Amino acid sequence: MIRAALAFALLFPAAALAQEVTAAPGAVLRALDRISGLTTDIELAAGETTVYRRLSITLAECRYPSEDPTSKAFARLVIIDTNSAVEKFNGWMISDSPALSAMDDSRYDVWVLHCKIN
């Protein structure tokens, strides 16, 4: 029985690591202007778009682990440079691994702090 469980975990690691997540009504992001060194916290509701300097930031959704809401957040973001209309980021950002899926911009950084649960 133990061998079967171990074989399953080795063959299907995603299933072994899967966790239940809950959708949140919004998220808190942090933006950094690398030239001035100033940070700004941005609160967005799911589906909302805001403009930070020359970046248009849209939060599609934010999810968090159901059993531990404070541990991490998974936010689906679309970030567009409004000056050039270039998409700087389109995908999922993870709060505890910001470098794993980071926005590529020479002046600004944006990352997820946490989901807004209330």
C-alpha atoms as a PDB file:
ATOM      1  CA  MET A   1       0.000   0.000   0.000  1.00  0.00           C
ATOM      2  CA  ILE A   2       2.806   2.421   0.860  1.00  0.00           C
ATOM      3  CA  ARG A   3       4.557   1.570  -2.415  1.00  0.00           C
ATOM      4  CA  ALA A   4       1.400   2.338  -4.381  1.00  0.00           C
ATOM      5  CA  ALA A   5       1.002   5.733  -2.679  1.00  0.00           C
ATOM      6  CA  LEU A   6       4.667   6.566  -3.265  1.00  0.00           C
ATOM      7  CA  ALA A   7       4.444   5.513  -6.929  1.00  0.00           C
ATOM      8  CA  PHE A   8       1.328   7.658  -7.384  1.00  0.00           C
ATOM      9  CA  ALA A   9       3.049  10.682  -5.812  1.00  0.00           C
ATOM     10  CA  LEU A  10       6.097  10.220  -8.044  1.00  0.00           C
ATOM     11  CA  LEU A  11       4.089   9.730 -11.225  1.00  0.00           C
ATOM     12  CA  PHE A  12       1.553  12.481 -10.541  1.00  0.00           C
ATOM     13  CA  PRO A  13       3.293  15.144  -8.421  1.00  0.00           C
ATOM     14  CA  ALA A  14       0.707  17.824  -9.240  1.00  0.00           C
ATOM     15  CA  ALA A  15      -2.044  15.679  -7.736  1.00  0.00           C
ATOM     16  CA  ALA A  16       0.045  15.080  -4.626  1.00  0.00           C
ATOM     17  CA  LEU A  17       0.658  18.824  -4.205  1.00  0.00           C
ATOM     18  CA  ALA A  18      -2.827  20.037  -5.162  1.00  0.00           C
ATOM     19  CA  GLN A  19      -4.588  22.204  -2.653  1.00  0.00           C
ATOM     20  CA  GLU A  20      -8.039  23.709  -2.404  1.00  0.00           C
ATOM     21  CA  VAL A  21      -8.161  27.411  -3.243  1.00  0.00           C
ATOM     22  CA  THR A  22     -10.820  30.052  -2.716  1.00  0.00           C
ATOM     23  CA  ALA A  23     -11.484  33.080  -4.892  1.00  0.00           C
ATOM     24  CA  ALA A  24     -11.163  36.442  -3.166  1.00  0.00           C
ATOM     25  CA  PRO A  25     -13.050  39.631  -4.023  1.00  0.00           C
ATOM     26  CA  GLY A  26      -9.801  41.524  -4.592  1.00  0.00           C
ATOM     27  CA  ALA A  27      -6.073  41.858  -3.986  1.00  0.00           C
ATOM     28  CA  VAL A  28      -3.425  44.195  -2.631  1.00  0.00           C
ATOM     29  CA  LEU A  29      -0.435  44.786  -4.905  1.00  0.00           C
ATOM     30  CA  ARG A  30       2.742  46.760  -4.337  1.00  0.00           C
ATOM     31  CA  ALA A  31       4.358  48.890  -7.031  1.00  0.00           C
ATOM     32  CA  LEU A  32       7.935  50.138  -6.898  1.00  0.00           C
ATOM     33  CA  ASP A  33       9.383  53.042  -8.864  1.00  0.00           C
ATOM     34  CA  ARG A  34      13.028  51.962  -9.118  1.00  0.00           C
ATOM     35  CA  ILE A  35      14.277  55.480  -9.874  1.00  0.00           C
ATOM     36  CA  SER A  36      12.646  57.295  -6.953  1.00  0.00           C
ATOM     37  CA  GLY A  37      12.622  54.258  -4.659  1.00  0.00           C
ATOM     38  CA  LEU A  38       9.014  54.936  -3.677  1.00  0.00           C
ATOM     39  CA  THR A  39       6.537  52.113  -3.162  1.00  0.00           C
ATOM     40  CA  THR A  40       2.775  52.348  -3.494  1.00  0.00           C
ATOM     41  CA  ASP A  41       0.219  49.817  -2.308  1.00  0.00           C
ATOM     42  CA  ILE A  42      -2.646  49.305  -4.743  1.00  0.00           C
ATOM     43  CA  GLU A  43      -5.990  47.750  -3.773  1.00  0.00           C
ATOM     44  CA  LEU A  44      -8.015  46.292  -6.625  1.00  0.00           C
ATOM     45  CA  ALA A  45     -11.292  44.433  -6.805  1.00  0.00           C
ATOM     46  CA  ALA A  46     -11.517  41.443  -9.144  1.00  0.00           C
ATOM     47  CA  GLY A  47     -12.148  42.757 -12.653  1.00  0.00           C
ATOM     48  CA  GLU A  48     -10.972  46.270 -11.776  1.00  0.00           C
ATOM     49  CA  THR A  49      -8.317  48.280 -13.639  1.00  0.00           C
ATOM     50  CA  THR A  50      -6.215  51.118 -12.251  1.00  0.00           C
ATOM     51  CA  VAL A  51      -3.401  53.259 -13.604  1.00  0.00           C
ATOM     52  CA  TYR A  52      -0.104  53.532 -11.744  1.00  0.00           C
ATOM     53  CA  ARG A  53       2.213  56.040 -13.454  1.00  0.00           C
ATOM     54  CA  ARG A  54       2.378  54.700 -17.038  1.00  0.00           C
ATOM     55  CA  LEU A  55       1.105  51.207 -16.201  1.00  0.00           C
ATOM     56  CA  SER A  56      -2.484  50.052 -16.585  1.00  0.00           C
ATOM     57  CA  ILE A  57      -3.007  47.205 -14.101  1.00  0.00           C
ATOM     58  CA  THR A  58      -6.004  44.860 -14.302  1.00  0.00           C
ATOM     59  CA  LEU A  59      -6.756  42.227 -11.670  1.00  0.00           C
ATOM     60  CA  ALA A  60      -8.679  39.346 -13.220  1.00  0.00           C
ATOM     61  CA  GLU A  61      -8.870  37.331  -9.988  1.00  0.00           C
ATOM     62  CA  CYS A  62      -7.086  36.490  -6.768  1.00  0.00           C
ATOM     63  CA  ARG A  63      -7.065  33.063  -5.102  1.00  0.00           C
ATOM     64  CA  TYR A  64      -5.724  31.844  -1.776  1.00  0.00           C
ATOM     65  CA  PRO A  65      -5.360  28.435  -0.062  1.00  0.00           C
ATOM     66  CA  SER A  66      -8.684  27.630   1.616  1.00  0.00           C
ATOM     67  CA  GLU A  67      -7.076  26.134   4.724  1.00  0.00           C
ATOM     68  CA  ASP A  68      -4.597  29.036   5.238  1.00  0.00           C
ATOM     69  CA  PRO A  69      -5.781  32.374   3.789  1.00  0.00           C
ATOM     70  CA  THR A  70      -2.725  34.281   5.016  1.00  0.00           C
ATOM     71  CA  SER A  71      -0.075  31.973   3.566  1.00  0.00           C
ATOM     72  CA  LYS A  72       0.014  33.047  -0.088  1.00  0.00           C
ATOM     73  CA  ALA A  73      -1.954  34.646  -2.871  1.00  0.00           C
ATOM     74  CA  PHE A  74      -2.249  33.798  -6.557  1.00  0.00           C
ATOM     75  CA  ALA A  75      -3.268  36.825  -8.649  1.00  0.00           C
ATOM     76  CA  ARG A  76      -4.076  36.846 -12.363  1.00  0.00           C
ATOM     77  CA  LEU A  77      -2.883  40.205 -13.719  1.00  0.00           C
ATOM     78  CA  VAL A  78      -2.639  42.039 -17.011  1.00  0.00           C
ATOM     79  CA  ILE A  79      -0.242  44.999 -17.017  1.00  0.00           C
ATOM     80  CA  ILE A  80       0.067  47.283 -20.040  1.00  0.00           C
ATOM     81  CA  ASP A  81       2.460  50.181 -20.657  1.00  0.00           C
ATOM     82  CA  THR A  82       0.049  52.992 -21.588  1.00  0.00           C
ATOM     83  CA  ASN A  83       2.759  54.996 -23.394  1.00  0.00           C
ATOM     84  CA  SER A  84       3.626  52.264 -25.885  1.00  0.00           C
ATOM     85  CA  ALA A  85       0.537  49.996 -25.612  1.00  0.00           C
ATOM     86  CA  VAL A  86       2.924  47.097 -24.941  1.00  0.00           C
ATOM     87  CA  GLU A  87       1.720  44.288 -22.697  1.00  0.00           C
ATOM     88  CA  LYS A  88       4.309  44.061 -19.898  1.00  0.00           C
ATOM     89  CA  PHE A  89       2.708  41.142 -18.059  1.00  0.00           C
ATOM     90  CA  ASN A  90      -0.160  38.731 -18.558  1.00  0.00           C
ATOM     91  CA  GLY A  91      -0.393  35.797 -16.190  1.00  0.00           C
ATOM     92  CA  TRP A  92      -0.367  34.602 -12.597  1.00  0.00           C
ATOM     93  CA  MET A  93       1.801  36.160  -9.890  1.00  0.00           C
ATOM     94  CA  ILE A  94       2.387  34.325  -6.629  1.00  0.00           C
ATOM     95  CA  SER A  95       2.904  36.379  -3.480  1.00  0.00           C
ATOM     96  CA  ASP A  96       5.535  34.160  -1.889  1.00  0.00           C
ATOM     97  CA  SER A  97       7.528  33.733  -5.153  1.00  0.00           C
ATOM     98  CA  PRO A  98       7.473  37.127  -6.924  1.00  0.00           C
ATOM     99  CA  ALA A  99      10.536  36.365  -9.072  1.00  0.00           C
ATOM    100  CA  LEU A 100       8.961  33.165 -10.404  1.00  0.00           C
ATOM    101  CA  SER A 101       6.591  35.114 -12.642  1.00  0.00           C
ATOM    102  CA  ALA A 102       7.710  38.741 -12.664  1.00  0.00           C
ATOM    103  CA  MET A 103       6.837  41.739 -14.788  1.00  0.00           C
ATOM    104  CA  ASP A 104       9.608  42.857 -17.132  1.00  0.00           C
ATOM    105  CA  ASP A 105      10.006  46.631 -17.001  1.00  0.00           C
ATOM    106  CA  SER A 106      13.126  48.743 -16.603  1.00  0.00           C
ATOM    107  CA  ARG A 107      11.577  51.301 -14.242  1.00  0.00           C
ATOM    108  CA  TYR A 108       8.678  49.691 -12.374  1.00  0.00           C
ATOM    109  CA  ASP A 109       8.094  46.535 -10.372  1.00  0.00           C
ATOM    110  CA  VAL A 110       4.657  45.228  -9.408  1.00  0.00           C
ATOM    111  CA  TRP A 111       4.020  42.245  -7.162  1.00  0.00           C
ATOM    112  CA  VAL A 112       1.195  40.684  -5.145  1.00  0.00           C
ATOM    113  CA  LEU A 113       1.082  41.131  -1.376  1.00  0.00           C
ATOM    114  CA  HIS A 114      -2.142  39.277  -0.538  1.00  0.00           C
ATOM    115  CA  CYS A 115      -5.746  38.691  -1.472  1.00  0.00           C
ATOM    116  CA  LYS A 116      -8.415  40.915   0.037  1.00  0.00           C
ATOM    117  CA  ILE A 117     -10.591  38.457   1.900  1.00  0.00           C
ATOM    118  CA  ASN A 118     -13.147  40.926   3.289  1.00  0.00           C
END
